[in-house]
Amino acid sequence: ARTYLQPQLNKACKSSEKREMGDVNPKDFILFAKEQFDVVHTWKDNTGDEKYIEDMAFPTLKFPSDHGILSTVLKEKNSVNAETDE
């Protein structure tokens, strides 16, 4: 859902209808080759404070995006087939 000031008016709703009409479904993914990287840390945020509140419809006044943030830190694995002698 969006406020009436956001460009997609077909998604606009009253603030009292935000919970019923808002989208709270996860849709974001981070894709990487598991043979090349290890996951160090992953987190999601829908507050702007590196926290996530489950079942919260957004945007909000403090977090004006209708997309949450999904972040991860990856560590490159040591390559077994590193440079070979020529």
C-alpha atoms as a PDB file:
ATOM      1  CA  ALA A   1       0.000   0.000   0.000  1.00  0.00           C
ATOM      2  CA  ARG A   2       1.078   3.590  -0.547  1.00  0.00           C
ATOM      3  CA  THR A   3       0.079   6.998   0.730  1.00  0.00           C
ATOM      4  CA  TYR A   4      -1.823   9.270  -1.631  1.00  0.00           C
ATOM      5  CA  LEU A   5       1.352  11.356  -2.094  1.00  0.00           C
ATOM      6  CA  GLN A   6       3.303   8.461  -3.608  1.00  0.00           C
ATOM      7  CA  PRO A   7       3.246   8.078  -7.393  1.00  0.00           C
ATOM      8  CA  GLN A   8       1.297   4.811  -7.703  1.00  0.00           C
ATOM      9  CA  LEU A   9      -2.212   5.940  -6.797  1.00  0.00           C
ATOM     10  CA  ASN A  10      -3.664   2.507  -7.573  1.00  0.00           C
ATOM     11  CA  LYS A  11      -1.815   1.248  -4.457  1.00  0.00           C
ATOM     12  CA  ALA A  12      -2.930   4.106  -2.186  1.00  0.00           C
ATOM     13  CA  CYS A  13      -5.012   3.423   0.923  1.00  0.00           C
ATOM     14  CA  LYS A  14      -6.096   5.181   4.094  1.00  0.00           C
ATOM     15  CA  SER A  15      -3.795   4.738   7.089  1.00  0.00           C
ATOM     16  CA  SER A  16      -6.622   2.876   8.853  1.00  0.00           C
ATOM     17  CA  GLU A  17      -6.600   0.311   5.995  1.00  0.00           C
ATOM     18  CA  LYS A  18      -2.806  -0.113   5.850  1.00  0.00           C
ATOM     19  CA  ARG A  19      -2.754  -3.420   7.751  1.00  0.00           C
ATOM     20  CA  GLU A  20      -5.420  -5.036   5.555  1.00  0.00           C
ATOM     21  CA  MET A  21      -4.161  -3.624   2.243  1.00  0.00           C
ATOM     22  CA  GLY A  22      -0.438  -3.443   2.991  1.00  0.00           C
ATOM     23  CA  ASP A  23       2.042  -5.989   1.713  1.00  0.00           C
ATOM     24  CA  VAL A  24       3.899  -7.914   4.429  1.00  0.00           C
ATOM     25  CA  ASN A  25       5.215 -10.770   2.273  1.00  0.00           C
ATOM     26  CA  PRO A  26       8.969 -11.342   1.887  1.00  0.00           C
ATOM     27  CA  LYS A  27      10.221 -11.148  -1.700  1.00  0.00           C
ATOM     28  CA  ASP A  28      13.929 -10.384  -1.597  1.00  0.00           C
ATOM     29  CA  PHE A  29      16.805 -12.796  -2.048  1.00  0.00           C
ATOM     30  CA  ILE A  30      20.593 -12.566  -2.089  1.00  0.00           C
ATOM     31  CA  LEU A  31      22.033 -14.972  -4.637  1.00  0.00           C
ATOM     32  CA  PHE A  32      25.634 -16.178  -4.585  1.00  0.00           C
ATOM     33  CA  ALA A  33      27.635 -19.288  -5.419  1.00  0.00           C
ATOM     34  CA  LYS A  34      27.926 -21.344  -2.222  1.00  0.00           C
ATOM     35  CA  GLU A  35      31.131 -22.884  -3.559  1.00  0.00           C
ATOM     36  CA  GLN A  36      32.758 -19.425  -3.602  1.00  0.00           C
ATOM     37  CA  PHE A  37      31.429 -17.727  -0.449  1.00  0.00           C
ATOM     38  CA  ASP A  38      30.496 -18.359   3.182  1.00  0.00           C
ATOM     39  CA  VAL A  39      27.805 -16.316   4.921  1.00  0.00           C
ATOM     40  CA  VAL A  40      29.215 -14.330   7.835  1.00  0.00           C
ATOM     41  CA  HIS A  41      26.026 -12.536   8.895  1.00  0.00           C
ATOM     42  CA  THR A  42      22.588 -11.801   7.407  1.00  0.00           C
ATOM     43  CA  TRP A  43      19.923  -9.408   8.675  1.00  0.00           C
ATOM     44  CA  LYS A  44      16.770  -7.637   7.563  1.00  0.00           C
ATOM     45  CA  ASP A  45      15.543  -4.147   8.363  1.00  0.00           C
ATOM     46  CA  ASN A  46      12.215  -2.360   8.009  1.00  0.00           C
ATOM     47  CA  THR A  47      12.869   0.372  10.563  1.00  0.00           C
ATOM     48  CA  GLY A  48      16.060   2.098   9.386  1.00  0.00           C
ATOM     49  CA  ASP A  49      17.695   1.012  12.659  1.00  0.00           C
ATOM     50  CA  GLU A  50      18.945  -2.396  11.447  1.00  0.00           C
ATOM     51  CA  LYS A  51      15.928  -4.064  13.122  1.00  0.00           C
ATOM     52  CA  TYR A  52      12.962  -5.883  11.652  1.00  0.00           C
ATOM     53  CA  ILE A  53       9.450  -5.824  13.093  1.00  0.00           C
ATOM     54  CA  GLU A  54       7.445  -8.864  11.953  1.00  0.00           C
ATOM     55  CA  ASP A  55       3.977  -8.253  10.465  1.00  0.00           C
ATOM     56  CA  MET A  56       4.559  -4.493  10.192  1.00  0.00           C
ATOM     57  CA  ALA A  57       3.085  -2.905   7.078  1.00  0.00           C
ATOM     58  CA  PHE A  58       5.276  -0.250   5.543  1.00  0.00           C
ATOM     59  CA  PRO A  59       6.069   2.428   4.395  1.00  0.00           C
ATOM     60  CA  THR A  60       5.947   4.336   7.677  1.00  0.00           C
ATOM     61  CA  LEU A  61       6.828   7.936   8.479  1.00  0.00           C
ATOM     62  CA  LYS A  62      10.219   6.807   9.803  1.00  0.00           C
ATOM     63  CA  PHE A  63      10.853   4.183   7.085  1.00  0.00           C
ATOM     64  CA  PRO A  64       9.320   5.672   3.901  1.00  0.00           C
ATOM     65  CA  SER A  65      10.114   2.755   1.563  1.00  0.00           C
ATOM     66  CA  ASP A  66       7.698  -0.002   0.663  1.00  0.00           C
ATOM     67  CA  HIS A  67      10.689  -2.378   0.427  1.00  0.00           C
ATOM     68  CA  GLY A  68      12.541  -3.829   3.392  1.00  0.00           C
ATOM     69  CA  ILE A  69      16.309  -4.064   3.437  1.00  0.00           C
ATOM     70  CA  LEU A  70      17.995  -7.451   3.256  1.00  0.00           C
ATOM     71  CA  SER A  71      21.734  -7.386   3.958  1.00  0.00           C
ATOM     72  CA  THR A  72      24.450  -9.985   4.206  1.00  0.00           C
ATOM     73  CA  VAL A  73      28.198 -10.118   4.710  1.00  0.00           C
ATOM     74  CA  LEU A  74      29.960 -12.755   2.619  1.00  0.00           C
ATOM     75  CA  LYS A  75      33.465 -14.118   3.037  1.00  0.00           C
ATOM     76  CA  GLU A  76      35.255 -15.463  -0.022  1.00  0.00           C
ATOM     77  CA  LYS A  77      36.297 -19.090   0.350  1.00  0.00           C
ATOM     78  CA  ASN A  78      39.901 -20.061  -0.330  1.00  0.00           C
ATOM     79  CA  SER A  79      40.148 -21.333  -3.871  1.00  0.00           C
ATOM     80  CA  VAL A  80      41.467 -24.899  -4.143  1.00  0.00           C
ATOM     81  CA  ASN A  81      42.331 -24.295  -7.778  1.00  0.00           C
ATOM     82  CA  ALA A  82      44.198 -21.054  -7.264  1.00  0.00           C
ATOM     83  CA  GLU A  83      46.767 -20.042  -9.842  1.00  0.00           C
ATOM     84  CA  THR A  84      48.660 -23.016 -11.220  1.00  0.00           C
ATOM     85  CA  ASP A  85      52.238 -23.136 -12.451  1.00  0.00           C
ATOM     86  CA  GLU A  86      52.540 -22.397 -16.151  1.00  0.00           C
END
